Amino acid sequence: MRVLLELIRVIFIFAIVGAMLGYFLKEMYIGIGTYTEKYNWLGSLAILILIFVLYRNKLQFSGWYKGKGRKKLPKIVSRILIFSSISLLLLPPVLSFLLN
Protein backbone atom coordinates (compact mmCIF):
# COMPACT_ATOMS: atom_id res chain seq x y z
CA MET A 1 0.00 0.00 0.00
CA ARG A 2 2.87 2.38 0.81
CA VAL A 3 4.38 1.85 -2.63
CA LEU A 4 1.08 2.74 -4.31
CA LEU A 5 0.73 5.87 -2.19
CA GLU A 6 4.28 6.91 -3.04
CA LEU A 7 3.65 6.31 -6.75
CA ILE A 8 0.56 8.53 -6.61
CA ARG A 9 2.61 11.15 -4.77
CA VAL A 10 5.36 11.05 -7.41
CA ILE A 11 2.84 11.39 -10.25
CA PHE A 12 1.18 14.29 -8.42
CA ILE A 13 4.53 16.04 -7.87
CA PHE A 14 5.63 15.65 -11.48
CA ALA A 15 2.23 16.63 -12.93
CA ILE A 16 1.27 19.56 -10.72
CA VAL A 17 4.70 21.06 -10.07
CA GLY A 18 5.72 20.42 -13.68
CA ALA A 19 2.60 22.14 -15.00
CA MET A 20 3.10 25.15 -12.72
CA LEU A 21 6.76 25.52 -13.66
CA GLY A 22 5.92 25.02 -17.35
CA TYR A 23 3.35 27.81 -17.21
CA PHE A 24 5.82 30.09 -15.44
CA LEU A 25 8.51 29.28 -17.99
CA LYS A 26 6.18 29.95 -20.93
CA GLU A 27 5.17 33.31 -19.44
CA MET A 28 8.83 34.14 -18.87
CA TYR A 29 9.66 33.39 -22.50
CA ILE A 30 6.75 35.56 -23.63
CA GLY A 31 7.86 38.29 -21.23
CA ILE A 32 11.30 38.51 -22.81
CA GLY A 33 9.68 38.67 -26.23
CA THR A 34 10.82 35.43 -27.84
CA TYR A 35 8.80 33.05 -29.95
CA THR A 36 9.70 29.64 -28.57
CA GLU A 37 6.73 27.56 -29.65
CA LYS A 38 8.89 25.08 -31.58
CA TYR A 39 11.39 24.69 -28.75
CA ASN A 40 9.12 24.51 -25.69
CA TRP A 41 9.87 20.82 -25.35
CA LEU A 42 13.44 21.70 -24.32
CA GLY A 43 12.10 23.75 -21.42
CA SER A 44 9.73 20.94 -20.46
CA LEU A 45 12.58 18.45 -20.45
CA ALA A 46 14.63 20.81 -18.28
CA ILE A 47 11.77 21.07 -15.78
CA LEU A 48 11.43 17.28 -15.61
CA ILE A 49 15.15 16.92 -14.96
CA LEU A 50 15.03 19.54 -12.18
CA ILE A 51 12.04 17.85 -10.53
CA PHE A 52 13.81 14.48 -10.77
CA VAL A 53 16.90 15.87 -9.02
CA LEU A 54 14.74 17.54 -6.36
CA TYR A 55 12.82 14.32 -5.76
CA ARG A 56 15.88 12.09 -5.56
CA ASN A 57 17.81 14.43 -3.27
CA LYS A 58 15.06 15.75 -0.96
CA LEU A 59 11.48 14.63 -1.50
CA GLN A 60 11.94 10.85 -1.50
CA PHE A 61 12.91 10.96 2.17
CA SER A 62 9.65 12.59 3.25
CA GLY A 63 7.25 10.14 1.59
CA TRP A 64 5.50 6.93 2.53
CA TYR A 65 7.97 4.47 1.00
CA LYS A 66 10.59 3.25 3.47
CA GLY A 67 12.16 0.42 1.47
CA LYS A 68 15.59 -0.19 -0.02
CA GLY A 69 17.21 1.98 -2.64
CA ARG A 70 16.51 5.33 -1.02
CA LYS A 71 19.69 7.32 -1.39
CA LYS A 72 20.68 10.67 -2.82
CA LEU A 73 22.19 11.14 -6.25
CA PRO A 74 25.96 11.56 -6.19
CA LYS A 75 26.98 15.23 -6.11
CA ILE A 76 28.64 15.11 -9.51
CA VAL A 77 25.53 13.59 -11.11
CA SER A 78 23.33 16.21 -9.46
CA ARG A 79 25.57 19.01 -10.71
CA ILE A 80 25.69 17.63 -14.24
CA LEU A 81 21.89 17.25 -14.35
CA ILE A 82 21.30 20.73 -12.95
CA PHE A 83 23.80 22.29 -15.38
CA SER A 84 22.17 20.42 -18.28
CA SER A 85 18.77 21.58 -17.17
CA ILE A 86 19.82 25.21 -16.94
CA SER A 87 21.39 24.93 -20.39
CA LEU A 88 18.14 23.48 -21.75
CA LEU A 89 16.18 26.33 -20.14
CA LEU A 90 18.35 28.92 -21.88
CA LEU A 91 18.37 27.16 -25.24
CA PRO A 92 14.83 27.97 -26.58
CA PRO A 93 15.27 31.77 -26.65
CA VAL A 94 18.73 31.38 -28.19
CA LEU A 95 17.48 28.97 -30.87
CA SER A 96 14.48 31.17 -31.54
CA PHE A 97 16.72 34.20 -32.03
CA LEU A 98 19.25 32.37 -34.22
CA LEU A 99 16.87 30.36 -36.40
CA ASN A 100 14.04 32.86 -36.98
C-alpha atoms as a PDB file:
ATOM      1  CA  MET A   1       0.000   0.000   0.000  1.00  0.00           C
ATOM      2  CA  ARG A   2       2.866   2.385   0.813  1.00  0.00           C
ATOM      3  CA  VAL A   3       4.377   1.848  -2.627  1.00  0.00           C
ATOM      4  CA  LEU A   4       1.082   2.740  -4.309  1.00  0.00           C
ATOM      5  CA  LEU A   5       0.726   5.875  -2.188  1.00  0.00           C
ATOM      6  CA  GLU A   6       4.284   6.910  -3.035  1.00  0.00           C
ATOM      7  CA  LEU A   7       3.650   6.306  -6.745  1.00  0.00           C
ATOM      8  CA  ILE A   8       0.561   8.530  -6.614  1.00  0.00           C
ATOM      9  CA  ARG A   9       2.608  11.148  -4.767  1.00  0.00           C
ATOM     10  CA  VAL A  10       5.357  11.047  -7.408  1.00  0.00           C
ATOM     11  CA  ILE A  11       2.838  11.393 -10.247  1.00  0.00           C
ATOM     12  CA  PHE A  12       1.184  14.285  -8.425  1.00  0.00           C
ATOM     13  CA  ILE A  13       4.531  16.039  -7.871  1.00  0.00           C
ATOM     14  CA  PHE A  14       5.628  15.646 -11.482  1.00  0.00           C
ATOM     15  CA  ALA A  15       2.233  16.625 -12.926  1.00  0.00           C
ATOM     16  CA  ILE A  16       1.268  19.563 -10.718  1.00  0.00           C
ATOM     17  CA  VAL A  17       4.698  21.055 -10.068  1.00  0.00           C
ATOM     18  CA  GLY A  18       5.717  20.415 -13.681  1.00  0.00           C
ATOM     19  CA  ALA A  19       2.603  22.145 -15.000  1.00  0.00           C
ATOM     20  CA  MET A  20       3.104  25.147 -12.721  1.00  0.00           C
ATOM     21  CA  LEU A  21       6.762  25.519 -13.662  1.00  0.00           C
ATOM     22  CA  GLY A  22       5.918  25.018 -17.345  1.00  0.00           C
ATOM     23  CA  TYR A  23       3.345  27.806 -17.211  1.00  0.00           C
ATOM     24  CA  PHE A  24       5.824  30.088 -15.438  1.00  0.00           C
ATOM     25  CA  LEU A  25       8.515  29.277 -17.994  1.00  0.00           C
ATOM     26  CA  LYS A  26       6.180  29.947 -20.927  1.00  0.00           C
ATOM     27  CA  GLU A  27       5.173  33.306 -19.439  1.00  0.00           C
ATOM     28  CA  MET A  28       8.832  34.143 -18.868  1.00  0.00           C
ATOM     29  CA  TYR A  29       9.665  33.386 -22.497  1.00  0.00           C
ATOM     30  CA  ILE A  30       6.748  35.560 -23.627  1.00  0.00           C
ATOM     31  CA  GLY A  31       7.865  38.291 -21.230  1.00  0.00           C
ATOM     32  CA  ILE A  32      11.297  38.514 -22.815  1.00  0.00           C
ATOM     33  CA  GLY A  33       9.677  38.670 -26.234  1.00  0.00           C
ATOM     34  CA  THR A  34      10.820  35.432 -27.838  1.00  0.00           C
ATOM     35  CA  TYR A  35       8.801  33.054 -29.946  1.00  0.00           C
ATOM     36  CA  THR A  36       9.702  29.645 -28.567  1.00  0.00           C
ATOM     37  CA  GLU A  37       6.727  27.562 -29.653  1.00  0.00           C
ATOM     38  CA  LYS A  38       8.894  25.083 -31.585  1.00  0.00           C
ATOM     39  CA  TYR A  39      11.386  24.687 -28.747  1.00  0.00           C
ATOM     40  CA  ASN A  40       9.116  24.510 -25.685  1.00  0.00           C
ATOM     41  CA  TRP A  41       9.869  20.816 -25.353  1.00  0.00           C
ATOM     42  CA  LEU A  42      13.436  21.698 -24.324  1.00  0.00           C
ATOM     43  CA  GLY A  43      12.102  23.745 -21.415  1.00  0.00           C
ATOM     44  CA  SER A  44       9.727  20.939 -20.463  1.00  0.00           C
ATOM     45  CA  LEU A  45      12.584  18.446 -20.455  1.00  0.00           C
ATOM     46  CA  ALA A  46      14.631  20.807 -18.283  1.00  0.00           C
ATOM     47  CA  ILE A  47      11.770  21.071 -15.784  1.00  0.00           C
ATOM     48  CA  LEU A  48      11.427  17.284 -15.610  1.00  0.00           C
ATOM     49  CA  ILE A  49      15.150  16.924 -14.957  1.00  0.00           C
ATOM     50  CA  LEU A  50      15.026  19.537 -12.182  1.00  0.00           C
ATOM     51  CA  ILE A  51      12.043  17.850 -10.527  1.00  0.00           C
ATOM     52  CA  PHE A  52      13.812  14.484 -10.768  1.00  0.00           C
ATOM     53  CA  VAL A  53      16.904  15.865  -9.015  1.00  0.00           C
ATOM     54  CA  LEU A  54      14.740  17.537  -6.359  1.00  0.00           C
ATOM     55  CA  TYR A  55      12.820  14.319  -5.758  1.00  0.00           C
ATOM     56  CA  ARG A  56      15.883  12.093  -5.557  1.00  0.00           C
ATOM     57  CA  ASN A  57      17.806  14.427  -3.265  1.00  0.00           C
ATOM     58  CA  LYS A  58      15.055  15.745  -0.961  1.00  0.00           C
ATOM     59  CA  LEU A  59      11.476  14.633  -1.500  1.00  0.00           C
ATOM     60  CA  GLN A  60      11.944  10.854  -1.501  1.00  0.00           C
ATOM     61  CA  PHE A  61      12.905  10.955   2.167  1.00  0.00           C
ATOM     62  CA  SER A  62       9.649  12.590   3.253  1.00  0.00           C
ATOM     63  CA  GLY A  63       7.251  10.139   1.591  1.00  0.00           C
ATOM     64  CA  TRP A  64       5.497   6.928   2.529  1.00  0.00           C
ATOM     65  CA  TYR A  65       7.966   4.472   0.996  1.00  0.00           C
ATOM     66  CA  LYS A  66      10.591   3.247   3.471  1.00  0.00           C
ATOM     67  CA  GLY A  67      12.159   0.415   1.465  1.00  0.00           C
ATOM     68  CA  LYS A  68      15.585  -0.190  -0.018  1.00  0.00           C
ATOM     69  CA  GLY A  69      17.212   1.983  -2.643  1.00  0.00           C
ATOM     70  CA  ARG A  70      16.511   5.327  -1.018  1.00  0.00           C
ATOM     71  CA  LYS A  71      19.690   7.323  -1.388  1.00  0.00           C
ATOM     72  CA  LYS A  72      20.682  10.671  -2.819  1.00  0.00           C
ATOM     73  CA  LEU A  73      22.189  11.137  -6.245  1.00  0.00           C
ATOM     74  CA  PRO A  74      25.961  11.560  -6.192  1.00  0.00           C
ATOM     75  CA  LYS A  75      26.979  15.234  -6.106  1.00  0.00           C
ATOM     76  CA  ILE A  76      28.639  15.115  -9.513  1.00  0.00           C
ATOM     77  CA  VAL A  77      25.528  13.590 -11.110  1.00  0.00           C
ATOM     78  CA  SER A  78      23.334  16.214  -9.457  1.00  0.00           C
ATOM     79  CA  ARG A  79      25.571  19.009 -10.706  1.00  0.00           C
ATOM     80  CA  ILE A  80      25.692  17.627 -14.239  1.00  0.00           C
ATOM     81  CA  LEU A  81      21.894  17.252 -14.350  1.00  0.00           C
ATOM     82  CA  ILE A  82      21.302  20.734 -12.954  1.00  0.00           C
ATOM     83  CA  PHE A  83      23.804  22.292 -15.375  1.00  0.00           C
ATOM     84  CA  SER A  84      22.169  20.417 -18.281  1.00  0.00           C
ATOM     85  CA  SER A  85      18.767  21.576 -17.165  1.00  0.00           C
ATOM     86  CA  ILE A  86      19.822  25.208 -16.935  1.00  0.00           C
ATOM     87  CA  SER A  87      21.385  24.929 -20.390  1.00  0.00           C
ATOM     88  CA  LEU A  88      18.143  23.483 -21.747  1.00  0.00           C
ATOM     89  CA  LEU A  89      16.177  26.325 -20.135  1.00  0.00           C
ATOM     90  CA  LEU A  90      18.353  28.917 -21.879  1.00  0.00           C
ATOM     91  CA  LEU A  91      18.368  27.165 -25.240  1.00  0.00           C
ATOM     92  CA  PRO A  92      14.832  27.966 -26.579  1.00  0.00           C
ATOM     93  CA  PRO A  93      15.268  31.766 -26.654  1.00  0.00           C
ATOM     94  CA  VAL A  94      18.728  31.384 -28.189  1.00  0.00           C
ATOM     95  CA  LEU A  95      17.479  28.969 -30.865  1.00  0.00           C
ATOM     96  CA  SER A  96      14.481  31.170 -31.535  1.00  0.00           C
ATOM     97  CA  PHE A  97      16.721  34.198 -32.026  1.00  0.00           C
ATOM     98  CA  LEU A  98      19.248  32.375 -34.219  1.00  0.00           C
ATOM     99  CA  LEU A  99      16.869  30.358 -36.396  1.00  0.00           C
ATOM    100  CA  ASN A 100      14.043  32.857 -36.984  1.00  0.00           C
END
